[in-house]
Amino acid sequence: MRTVELVLDDTLDATVRDLWRMLHVAGLRSLATHTHPSNRPHITLAVAASLETLPPVRLPVPVRLGPVRMLGRALVRDADSPRLRELQAEVWRALDAENPLHTPDVWAPHVSLALNMPETQRAGALALLTGIPAISGEAVGVRSYDTETRTVTDQGDFPAVRGRGRPPTATQIP
């Protein structure tokens, strides 16, 4: 399976990483401790078996990071903008996407702060991050993570774009 993810500008990226650190310093679950090389703040638009039909994504995309909340067992920060929602619907229509949580009418745009948060930590995490101000910025890059090969690929190397003469350059993740 392949994801289509937007990566954030330096300011939004640093803001999310600061929240990761705040949670970690408070002794709460956080993505700050996730050392996988692919770990960086991002917004997942869709998951599909192939990216062959994905057209180039025009960047930048405005993004507003809003409140923190629980989304299932994940602690997330909401991410939204009209253009972000339009883009996600375009990507969904272009791909043979499989995850029903990514259908445009159901999709909940967010950036993850902690995954599989224990129930005993949820109230503390929400209290710690309540009242953080919203911040606006942009998504400035597109990447994909391949769950089978464990590689991250940048948009310029997606099949639909590669025909312009760029050789593929996926990054192997150990």
Protein backbone atom coordinates (compact mmCIF):
# COMPACT_ATOMS: atom_id res chain seq x y z
CA MET A 1 0.00 0.00 0.00
CA ARG A 2 1.12 3.54 -0.73
CA THR A 3 0.19 6.71 1.13
CA VAL A 4 -0.09 10.19 -0.31
CA GLU A 5 1.06 12.67 2.34
CA LEU A 6 1.57 16.41 2.52
CA VAL A 7 4.58 17.64 4.48
CA LEU A 8 4.49 20.97 6.28
CA ASP A 9 6.50 24.16 6.03
CA ASP A 10 9.27 24.73 8.57
CA THR A 11 7.08 26.75 10.96
CA LEU A 12 4.23 24.23 11.10
CA ASP A 13 6.68 21.32 11.28
CA ALA A 14 8.50 22.93 14.23
CA THR A 15 5.18 23.70 15.96
CA VAL A 16 4.11 20.05 15.78
CA ARG A 17 7.53 18.83 16.93
CA ASP A 18 7.28 21.22 19.92
CA LEU A 19 3.98 19.55 20.89
CA TRP A 20 5.61 16.13 20.53
CA ARG A 21 8.36 17.29 22.93
CA MET A 22 5.88 18.81 25.41
CA LEU A 23 4.02 15.51 25.62
CA HIS A 24 7.24 13.55 26.02
CA VAL A 25 8.62 15.85 28.75
CA ALA A 26 5.31 15.44 30.60
CA GLY A 27 5.77 11.66 30.53
CA LEU A 28 3.00 11.11 27.99
CA ARG A 29 3.01 9.07 24.79
CA SER A 30 4.29 11.10 21.87
CA LEU A 31 5.69 10.76 18.38
CA ALA A 32 8.84 12.46 19.72
CA THR A 33 10.09 9.01 20.66
CA HIS A 34 9.30 7.44 17.28
CA THR A 35 12.77 7.20 15.73
CA HIS A 36 11.83 5.76 12.34
CA PRO A 37 13.51 7.90 9.62
CA SER A 38 10.14 8.52 7.93
CA ASN A 39 8.71 10.12 11.09
CA ARG A 40 7.85 13.74 10.38
CA PRO A 41 4.69 15.79 10.75
CA HIS A 42 2.38 15.21 7.78
CA ILE A 43 -1.22 15.05 6.62
CA THR A 44 -2.28 11.80 4.94
CA LEU A 45 -4.59 12.41 1.97
CA ALA A 46 -5.17 8.81 0.84
CA VAL A 47 -3.87 5.25 0.79
CA ALA A 48 -3.90 3.20 -2.41
CA ALA A 49 -2.34 0.13 -3.97
CA SER A 50 -0.72 2.22 -6.71
CA LEU A 51 0.06 5.86 -7.43
CA GLU A 52 0.11 5.36 -11.22
CA THR A 53 -2.91 7.63 -11.71
CA LEU A 54 -1.90 10.36 -9.26
CA PRO A 55 -1.44 13.67 -11.06
CA PRO A 56 1.17 16.20 -9.89
CA VAL A 57 0.01 18.07 -6.80
CA ARG A 58 0.27 21.85 -6.98
CA LEU A 59 2.00 23.34 -3.97
CA PRO A 60 1.90 25.12 -1.63
CA VAL A 61 -1.45 24.25 -0.02
CA PRO A 62 -2.72 26.51 2.79
CA VAL A 63 -3.12 24.68 6.12
CA ARG A 64 -4.50 25.85 9.44
CA LEU A 65 -3.61 23.76 12.48
CA GLY A 66 -6.36 24.02 15.03
CA PRO A 67 -7.38 22.27 18.24
CA VAL A 68 -5.98 19.06 19.68
CA ARG A 69 -8.37 16.14 20.13
CA MET A 70 -8.57 12.37 20.26
CA LEU A 71 -9.28 10.61 16.96
CA GLY A 72 -9.83 7.03 17.96
CA ARG A 73 -6.72 6.10 19.98
CA ALA A 74 -4.60 8.83 18.39
CA LEU A 75 -3.98 12.29 19.79
CA VAL A 76 -4.13 14.65 16.82
CA ARG A 77 -4.15 18.30 15.90
CA ASP A 78 -6.87 19.20 13.41
CA ALA A 79 -5.62 20.53 10.07
CA ASP A 80 -7.90 22.22 7.58
CA SER A 81 -8.48 24.67 4.75
CA PRO A 82 -10.85 24.75 1.78
CA ARG A 83 -7.96 24.06 -0.65
CA LEU A 84 -6.75 21.14 1.49
CA ARG A 85 -10.20 19.54 1.28
CA GLU A 86 -10.40 20.17 -2.48
CA LEU A 87 -6.99 18.59 -2.99
CA GLN A 88 -7.85 15.56 -0.90
CA ALA A 89 -11.01 14.98 -2.94
CA GLU A 90 -8.99 15.31 -6.18
CA VAL A 91 -6.44 12.77 -4.95
CA TRP A 92 -9.20 10.40 -3.82
CA ARG A 93 -10.89 10.55 -7.23
CA ALA A 94 -7.60 10.06 -9.13
CA LEU A 95 -6.52 6.95 -7.18
CA ASP A 96 -8.10 3.59 -6.65
CA ALA A 97 -8.10 4.47 -2.95
CA GLU A 98 -9.14 1.75 -0.53
CA ASN A 99 -9.43 3.18 2.98
CA PRO A 100 -13.05 4.26 3.63
CA LEU A 101 -11.80 6.74 6.25
CA HIS A 102 -10.30 8.75 3.39
CA THR A 103 -13.49 9.20 1.38
CA PRO A 104 -13.88 12.99 1.09
CA ASP A 105 -17.15 13.13 3.06
CA VAL A 106 -15.61 11.19 5.99
CA TRP A 107 -11.94 12.28 5.91
CA ALA A 108 -10.77 14.08 9.08
CA PRO A 109 -7.63 16.07 8.18
CA HIS A 110 -5.10 16.04 11.01
CA VAL A 111 -1.48 15.80 12.06
CA SER A 112 -0.75 13.03 14.56
CA LEU A 113 0.83 13.87 17.91
CA ALA A 114 0.66 10.41 19.54
CA LEU A 115 -0.55 7.01 18.36
CA ASN A 116 -2.17 4.33 20.51
CA MET A 117 -2.39 6.69 23.47
CA PRO A 118 -3.26 4.79 26.64
CA GLU A 119 -6.64 5.71 28.03
CA THR A 120 -4.98 6.67 31.33
CA GLN A 121 -2.97 9.40 29.55
CA ARG A 122 -5.66 10.93 27.35
CA ALA A 123 -7.14 13.44 29.80
CA GLY A 124 -3.69 14.64 30.84
CA ALA A 125 -2.55 15.07 27.25
CA LEU A 126 -5.68 16.99 26.31
CA ALA A 127 -5.37 19.20 29.40
CA LEU A 128 -1.71 19.90 28.66
CA LEU A 129 -2.45 21.02 25.10
CA THR A 130 -5.79 22.77 25.64
CA GLY A 131 -5.79 26.37 24.54
CA ILE A 132 -2.83 26.25 22.20
CA PRO A 133 -3.43 28.88 19.54
CA ALA A 134 -4.29 27.98 15.97
CA ILE A 135 -1.52 28.58 13.47
CA SER A 136 -1.62 28.96 9.71
CA GLY A 137 1.01 27.93 7.21
CA GLU A 138 1.40 25.72 4.19
CA ALA A 139 1.96 22.18 3.06
CA VAL A 140 5.05 22.45 0.89
CA GLY A 141 5.83 18.90 -0.18
CA VAL A 142 4.23 15.63 -1.20
CA ARG A 143 5.59 12.22 -0.38
CA SER A 144 4.49 8.60 -0.29
CA TYR A 145 5.33 5.80 2.10
CA ASP A 146 5.29 2.26 0.70
CA THR A 147 4.33 -0.13 3.48
CA GLU A 148 5.80 -3.15 1.67
CA THR A 149 9.23 -1.81 0.66
CA ARG A 150 9.46 0.67 3.56
CA THR A 151 10.53 3.44 1.21
CA VAL A 152 9.61 7.10 1.12
CA THR A 153 9.22 8.67 -2.33
CA ASP A 154 8.95 12.40 -3.11
CA GLN A 155 6.31 13.71 -5.53
CA GLY A 156 8.80 14.38 -8.32
CA ASP A 157 9.45 10.65 -8.48
CA PHE A 158 5.81 9.50 -8.58
CA PRO A 159 4.98 7.54 -11.76
CA ALA A 160 2.75 10.27 -13.24
CA VAL A 161 5.55 12.84 -12.88
CA ARG A 162 8.55 10.66 -13.66
CA GLY A 163 7.77 10.75 -17.40
CA ARG A 164 9.26 14.24 -17.48
CA GLY A 165 12.73 12.73 -17.39
CA ARG A 166 13.53 12.42 -13.68
CA PRO A 167 14.89 9.06 -12.60
CA PRO A 168 13.18 7.41 -9.61
CA THR A 169 14.91 8.07 -6.28
CA ALA A 170 13.07 6.32 -3.47
CA THR A 171 14.73 6.42 -0.06
CA GLN A 172 15.05 3.02 1.61
CA ILE A 173 14.00 3.06 5.25
CA PRO A 174 15.79 0.45 7.40
